[in-house]
């Protein structure tokens, strides 16, 4: 297994085309990890308070004192 430092060194040596491909792969990998975390948080009810507050705000109408 490579250390983070070894991976960083290897990345710095990549040709431009490979670096572009790595960025695309990492963006997809990172997005998938974020999606899994979000889905876990939803399933565990961690976002319920935020959802309730958003629904309450929507029912109460626009805010900010606009005339």
N, C-alpha and C. Protein backbone atom coordinates (compact mmCIF):
# COMPACT_ATOMS: atom_id res chain seq x y z
N UNK A 1 0.84 -1.18 0.00
CA UNK A 1 0.00 0.00 0.00
C UNK A 1 0.88 1.24 0.00
N UNK A 2 0.54 2.21 -0.79
CA UNK A 2 1.31 3.46 -0.88
C UNK A 2 0.90 4.42 0.22
N UNK A 3 1.86 5.21 0.63
CA UNK A 3 1.54 6.27 1.59
C UNK A 3 1.00 7.47 0.82
N UNK A 4 0.38 8.36 1.54
CA UNK A 4 -0.14 9.58 0.90
C UNK A 4 0.99 10.34 0.22
N UNK A 5 2.13 10.42 0.87
CA UNK A 5 3.27 11.12 0.28
C UNK A 5 3.68 10.46 -1.05
N UNK A 6 3.74 9.14 -1.08
CA UNK A 6 4.11 8.43 -2.32
C UNK A 6 3.10 8.69 -3.43
N UNK A 7 1.84 8.75 -3.06
CA UNK A 7 0.79 9.02 -4.05
C UNK A 7 0.94 10.45 -4.59
N UNK A 8 1.18 11.41 -3.69
CA UNK A 8 1.38 12.79 -4.13
C UNK A 8 2.55 12.91 -5.09
N UNK A 9 3.65 12.25 -4.78
CA UNK A 9 4.83 12.29 -5.65
C UNK A 9 4.48 11.69 -7.01
N UNK A 10 3.78 10.56 -7.01
CA UNK A 10 3.41 9.91 -8.27
C UNK A 10 2.49 10.81 -9.10
N UNK A 11 1.57 11.48 -8.45
CA UNK A 11 0.64 12.37 -9.16
C UNK A 11 1.40 13.51 -9.83
N UNK A 12 2.37 14.06 -9.12
CA UNK A 12 3.16 15.16 -9.68
C UNK A 12 3.92 14.74 -10.93
N UNK A 13 4.19 13.45 -11.09
CA UNK A 13 4.95 12.95 -12.24
C UNK A 13 4.06 12.55 -13.41
N UNK A 14 2.74 12.61 -13.24
CA UNK A 14 1.84 12.18 -14.31
C UNK A 14 1.91 13.11 -15.52
N UNK A 15 1.82 12.52 -16.71
CA UNK A 15 1.66 13.35 -17.91
C UNK A 15 0.31 14.08 -17.84
N UNK A 16 0.20 15.18 -18.57
CA UNK A 16 -1.02 15.99 -18.52
C UNK A 16 -2.29 15.19 -18.79
N UNK A 17 -2.28 14.33 -19.82
CA UNK A 17 -3.48 13.56 -20.15
C UNK A 17 -3.90 12.65 -19.00
N UNK A 18 -2.91 12.04 -18.34
CA UNK A 18 -3.23 11.17 -17.21
C UNK A 18 -3.75 11.98 -16.03
N UNK A 19 -3.21 13.17 -15.84
CA UNK A 19 -3.68 14.03 -14.76
C UNK A 19 -5.13 14.44 -14.98
N UNK A 20 -5.47 14.73 -16.22
CA UNK A 20 -6.86 15.06 -16.56
C UNK A 20 -7.77 13.87 -16.25
N UNK A 21 -7.35 12.69 -16.63
CA UNK A 21 -8.14 11.49 -16.37
C UNK A 21 -8.27 11.23 -14.87
N UNK A 22 -7.18 11.45 -14.13
CA UNK A 22 -7.22 11.27 -12.68
C UNK A 22 -8.20 12.24 -12.03
N UNK A 23 -8.17 13.49 -12.47
CA UNK A 23 -9.11 14.49 -11.92
C UNK A 23 -10.55 14.06 -12.15
N UNK A 24 -10.85 13.60 -13.35
CA UNK A 24 -12.22 13.17 -13.67
C UNK A 24 -12.61 11.97 -12.80
N UNK A 25 -11.70 11.01 -12.69
CA UNK A 25 -11.99 9.83 -11.87
C UNK A 25 -12.21 10.24 -10.42
N UNK A 26 -11.34 11.11 -9.89
CA UNK A 26 -11.46 11.50 -8.49
C UNK A 26 -12.75 12.27 -8.25
N UNK A 27 -13.13 13.13 -9.17
CA UNK A 27 -14.38 13.89 -9.01
C UNK A 27 -15.57 12.93 -8.92
N UNK A 28 -15.59 11.91 -9.79
CA UNK A 28 -16.67 10.92 -9.74
C UNK A 28 -16.64 10.12 -8.45
N UNK A 29 -15.46 9.71 -8.03
CA UNK A 29 -15.29 8.95 -6.79
C UNK A 29 -15.73 9.77 -5.59
N UNK A 30 -15.33 11.01 -5.54
CA UNK A 30 -15.67 11.90 -4.44
C UNK A 30 -17.17 12.15 -4.39
N UNK A 31 -17.78 12.37 -5.56
CA UNK A 31 -19.23 12.61 -5.62
C UNK A 31 -19.99 11.38 -5.14
N UNK A 32 -19.54 10.19 -5.53
CA UNK A 32 -20.20 8.96 -5.11
C UNK A 32 -20.10 8.79 -3.59
N UNK A 33 -18.95 9.11 -3.02
CA UNK A 33 -18.77 9.01 -1.57
C UNK A 33 -19.69 10.00 -0.87
N UNK A 34 -19.80 11.21 -1.40
CA UNK A 34 -20.68 12.23 -0.82
C UNK A 34 -22.13 11.75 -0.89
N UNK A 35 -22.53 11.18 -2.03
CA UNK A 35 -23.89 10.67 -2.18
C UNK A 35 -24.19 9.59 -1.15
N UNK A 36 -23.24 8.65 -0.94
CA UNK A 36 -23.45 7.59 0.04
C UNK A 36 -23.60 8.18 1.45
N UNK A 37 -22.78 9.17 1.79
CA UNK A 37 -22.87 9.81 3.10
C UNK A 37 -24.21 10.52 3.26
N UNK A 38 -24.63 11.23 2.23
CA UNK A 38 -25.91 11.93 2.27
C UNK A 38 -27.05 10.94 2.47
N UNK A 39 -27.03 9.84 1.72
CA UNK A 39 -28.09 8.83 1.85
C UNK A 39 -28.11 8.23 3.26
N UNK A 40 -26.93 7.99 3.85
CA UNK A 40 -26.88 7.48 5.23
C UNK A 40 -27.47 8.50 6.20
N UNK A 41 -27.09 9.77 6.01
CA UNK A 41 -27.60 10.81 6.90
C UNK A 41 -29.11 10.92 6.80
N UNK A 42 -29.66 10.83 5.60
CA UNK A 42 -31.11 10.89 5.42
C UNK A 42 -31.75 9.69 6.11
N UNK A 43 -31.23 8.50 5.87
CA UNK A 43 -31.81 7.28 6.44
C UNK A 43 -31.76 7.31 7.97
N UNK A 44 -30.74 7.93 8.54
CA UNK A 44 -30.59 8.00 9.99
C UNK A 44 -31.30 9.21 10.61
N UNK A 45 -31.98 10.00 9.76
CA UNK A 45 -32.75 11.13 10.27
C UNK A 45 -31.94 12.35 10.63
N UNK A 46 -30.69 12.40 10.21
CA UNK A 46 -29.84 13.52 10.59
C UNK A 46 -30.22 14.83 9.91
N UNK A 47 -31.02 14.75 8.86
CA UNK A 47 -31.40 15.96 8.15
C UNK A 47 -32.86 16.36 8.41
N UNK A 48 -33.52 15.60 9.28
CA UNK A 48 -34.94 15.86 9.54
C UNK A 48 -35.19 17.27 10.06
N UNK A 49 -34.36 17.74 10.98
CA UNK A 49 -34.57 19.08 11.54
C UNK A 49 -34.42 20.15 10.46
N UNK A 50 -33.45 19.96 9.57
CA UNK A 50 -33.28 20.93 8.48
C UNK A 50 -34.47 20.90 7.53
N UNK A 51 -34.94 19.70 7.22
CA UNK A 51 -36.10 19.58 6.33
C UNK A 51 -37.33 20.21 6.97
N UNK A 52 -37.53 19.96 8.26
CA UNK A 52 -38.67 20.55 8.96
C UNK A 52 -38.59 22.07 8.95
N UNK A 53 -37.42 22.62 9.17
CA UNK A 53 -37.25 24.07 9.17
C UNK A 53 -37.52 24.64 7.78
N UNK A 54 -37.06 23.96 6.74
CA UNK A 54 -37.29 24.44 5.37
C UNK A 54 -38.77 24.41 5.04
N UNK A 55 -39.45 23.34 5.43
CA UNK A 55 -40.89 23.25 5.16
C UNK A 55 -41.65 24.31 5.95
N UNK A 56 -41.25 24.55 7.19
CA UNK A 56 -41.89 25.59 8.00
C UNK A 56 -41.70 26.96 7.35
N UNK A 57 -40.48 27.25 6.91
CA UNK A 57 -40.21 28.53 6.25
C UNK A 57 -41.03 28.66 4.98
N UNK A 58 -41.16 27.59 4.22
CA UNK A 58 -41.96 27.64 2.98
C UNK A 58 -43.42 27.91 3.27
N UNK A 59 -43.94 27.31 4.34
CA UNK A 59 -45.35 27.53 4.70
C UNK A 59 -45.57 28.97 5.17
N UNK A 60 -44.57 29.55 5.83
CA UNK A 60 -44.72 30.89 6.38
C UNK A 60 -44.55 31.97 5.31
N UNK A 61 -44.07 31.62 4.15
CA UNK A 61 -43.94 32.56 3.05
C UNK A 61 -42.59 33.24 3.03
N UNK A 62 -42.46 34.20 2.12
CA UNK A 62 -41.18 34.89 1.96
C UNK A 62 -40.79 35.60 3.27
N UNK A 63 -39.50 35.65 3.50
CA UNK A 63 -39.04 36.34 4.70
C UNK A 63 -38.05 37.43 4.28
N UNK A 64 -37.64 38.22 5.22
CA UNK A 64 -36.69 39.27 4.92
C UNK A 64 -37.34 40.64 4.90
N UNK A 65 -38.62 40.71 5.20
CA UNK A 65 -39.28 41.99 5.32
C UNK A 65 -39.47 42.74 4.01
N UNK A 66 -39.58 42.02 2.90
CA UNK A 66 -39.80 42.69 1.62
C UNK A 66 -41.18 43.32 1.61
N UNK A 67 -41.26 44.54 1.10
CA UNK A 67 -42.55 45.24 1.03
C UNK A 67 -43.11 45.19 -0.37
